[in-house]
Protein backbone atom coordinates (compact mmCIF):
# COMPACT_ATOMS: atom_id res chain seq x y z
CA MET A 1 0.00 0.00 0.00
CA SER A 2 1.37 3.39 -1.02
CA ARG A 3 1.51 6.09 1.63
CA PRO A 4 1.75 9.83 0.93
CA PHE A 5 4.74 12.04 1.34
CA ASN A 6 4.55 15.44 3.02
CA VAL A 7 7.24 17.76 1.66
CA ARG A 8 8.06 20.79 3.83
CA VAL A 9 10.48 23.59 2.94
CA TYR A 10 12.08 25.84 5.56
CA GLY A 11 14.33 28.89 5.55
CA ILE A 12 17.19 29.64 7.88
CA LEU A 13 17.33 33.42 8.05
CA ILE A 14 20.21 34.88 10.08
CA ASN A 15 20.41 38.61 10.83
CA GLN A 16 23.42 40.90 11.33
CA ASN A 17 23.36 40.14 15.09
CA ASN A 18 23.94 36.42 14.42
CA GLU A 19 20.36 35.56 15.37
CA VAL A 20 18.17 33.05 13.56
CA LEU A 21 14.47 33.63 12.94
CA LEU A 22 12.10 31.15 14.59
CA SER A 23 8.38 30.70 14.07
CA ASP A 24 6.09 29.97 17.04
CA GLU A 25 2.76 28.56 15.89
CA ASN A 26 -0.55 27.66 17.51
CA ARG A 27 -2.24 25.16 15.18
CA PHE A 28 -4.05 21.83 15.33
CA ASP A 29 -4.54 22.25 19.10
CA LYS A 30 -0.75 22.34 19.56
CA GLN A 31 1.81 25.04 20.24
CA PHE A 32 5.17 24.52 18.59
CA THR A 33 8.37 26.24 17.48
CA LYS A 34 9.98 25.64 14.09
CA PHE A 35 11.89 27.43 11.39
CA PRO A 36 9.78 29.59 9.02
CA GLY A 37 8.40 27.80 6.00
CA GLY A 38 5.70 25.34 5.11
CA GLY A 39 4.25 22.83 2.74
CA LEU A 40 5.14 22.35 -0.89
CA GLU A 41 2.09 22.75 -3.13
CA PHE A 42 1.54 20.68 -6.25
CA GLY A 43 3.15 22.34 -9.27
CA GLU A 44 5.72 24.47 -7.45
CA GLY A 45 9.43 23.99 -6.91
CA THR A 46 11.02 23.99 -3.48
CA LYS A 47 12.55 27.46 -3.83
CA GLU A 48 9.26 28.87 -5.14
CA CYS A 49 7.50 27.33 -2.14
CA LEU A 50 9.88 28.93 0.31
CA LYS A 51 9.58 32.36 -1.32
CA ARG A 52 5.77 32.07 -1.21
CA GLU A 53 5.79 30.99 2.44
CA PHE A 54 8.01 33.90 3.54
CA LEU A 55 5.86 36.36 1.61
CA GLU A 56 2.63 34.93 3.09
CA GLU A 57 3.87 34.53 6.66
CA LEU A 58 6.31 37.42 7.04
CA GLY A 59 5.48 39.83 4.23
CA ILE A 60 9.07 39.81 2.95
CA GLU A 61 10.81 38.66 -0.19
CA ILE A 62 13.78 36.38 0.25
CA GLU A 63 16.70 35.19 -1.79
CA VAL A 64 17.14 31.44 -1.47
CA LYS A 65 20.80 30.56 -1.08
CA GLU A 66 22.32 27.10 -0.71
CA LEU A 67 20.75 23.94 0.58
CA PHE A 68 21.55 23.45 4.27
CA TYR A 69 19.90 20.10 5.06
CA LEU A 70 17.60 17.55 3.44
CA THR A 71 15.91 14.79 5.42
CA ASP A 72 18.12 11.72 5.10
CA TYR A 73 16.20 9.27 7.26
CA PHE A 74 12.62 8.07 7.70
CA GLN A 75 10.46 10.53 9.66
CA VAL A 76 6.72 10.19 10.21
CA SER A 77 4.73 13.44 10.18
CA ALA A 78 3.83 14.73 13.65
CA PHE A 79 0.35 15.58 12.37
CA ASP A 80 -0.50 12.51 10.28
CA LYS A 81 0.98 9.12 11.16
CA ASN A 82 0.23 7.93 7.61
CA GLU A 83 2.56 10.47 6.00
CA GLN A 84 6.31 10.32 5.55
CA LEU A 85 7.86 13.72 6.14
CA ILE A 86 10.56 15.08 3.87
CA SER A 87 11.94 18.44 4.99
CA ILE A 88 14.25 20.70 3.03
CA TYR A 89 16.15 23.53 4.73
CA TYR A 90 17.76 26.38 2.79
CA LEU A 91 19.86 29.28 3.96
CA VAL A 92 18.04 32.45 2.93
CA LYS A 93 18.80 36.18 2.78
CA ALA A 94 16.42 39.11 2.93
CA GLU A 95 16.38 42.89 2.98
CA ASN A 96 14.09 44.87 5.28
CA LEU A 97 14.52 42.60 8.28
CA ASN A 98 13.24 45.43 10.46
CA SER A 99 9.83 45.07 8.80
CA ILE A 100 9.38 41.60 10.34
CA GLN A 101 7.07 41.80 13.33
CA THR A 102 8.68 39.84 16.13
CA SER A 103 8.18 39.09 19.78
CA SER A 104 10.86 38.76 22.42
CA LYS A 105 8.97 35.99 24.23
CA SER A 106 8.56 32.35 23.28
CA LEU A 107 5.02 31.27 22.27
CA ASP A 108 3.66 34.81 22.67
CA PHE A 109 0.16 34.31 21.25
CA THR A 110 -1.34 37.55 22.55
CA ASN A 111 -4.35 39.06 20.78
CA GLY A 112 -5.31 35.68 19.31
CA ALA A 113 -2.25 35.39 17.06
CA GLN A 114 -1.74 31.96 15.53
CA GLU A 115 1.83 32.62 14.39
CA VAL A 116 4.53 34.77 15.97
CA HIS A 117 8.17 35.19 14.94
CA ARG A 118 11.19 35.89 17.09
CA TRP A 119 14.96 36.12 16.80
CA LYS A 120 17.12 33.68 18.75
CA SER A 121 20.88 34.04 19.16
CA LEU A 122 22.79 31.29 17.37
CA GLU A 123 25.14 31.19 20.37
CA THR A 124 22.31 30.12 22.68
CA LEU A 125 20.18 28.13 20.21
CA THR A 126 19.77 24.50 21.31
CA PRO A 127 17.60 21.64 20.04
CA LYS A 128 15.36 22.22 23.07
CA ASP A 129 14.28 25.54 21.51
CA LEU A 130 12.50 23.68 18.71
CA THR A 131 9.61 21.21 18.79
CA PHE A 132 10.08 18.74 15.97
CA PRO A 133 12.88 16.17 15.49
CA LEU A 134 14.11 17.49 12.14
CA ASP A 135 14.24 21.10 13.39
CA LYS A 136 16.17 19.90 16.45
CA LEU A 137 18.68 18.20 14.15
CA VAL A 138 19.04 21.38 12.09
CA ALA A 139 19.65 23.37 15.30
CA GLU A 140 22.48 20.95 16.15
CA LYS A 141 23.95 21.39 12.68
CA LEU A 142 23.72 25.19 12.98
CA ALA A 143 25.71 25.01 16.22
CA LEU A 144 28.51 23.27 14.31
CA THR A 145 28.80 25.99 11.64
């Protein structure tokens, strides 16, 4: 029996203060922290997907740089146990970083917000700062760079 794949594309955006952008989300009756990005839609490429996601979620245009990490082991989706998750992480650049609305607190869902962004110092970033296994792995890899 064939099972579906869920392809996710994420951007690692680092500012001039050596901080990485994180996305806190309140969806599906769960609160979680991940890197900005989302699901690949039928008919679009991975870089197109990431540009669309950043525009939709953050209101900024990005330049997709090199591939940072691609899932290289079997991972079941946290939201659907019948889906295999494939996640693609790119390093990205952007202008107008000051236009990104951010919070200084983790999971700051005031005023009914479903998604909040915040900067986290790369020096203090640990896998514990992220919710999902692949994001935790990427945080470990970022610490090594």
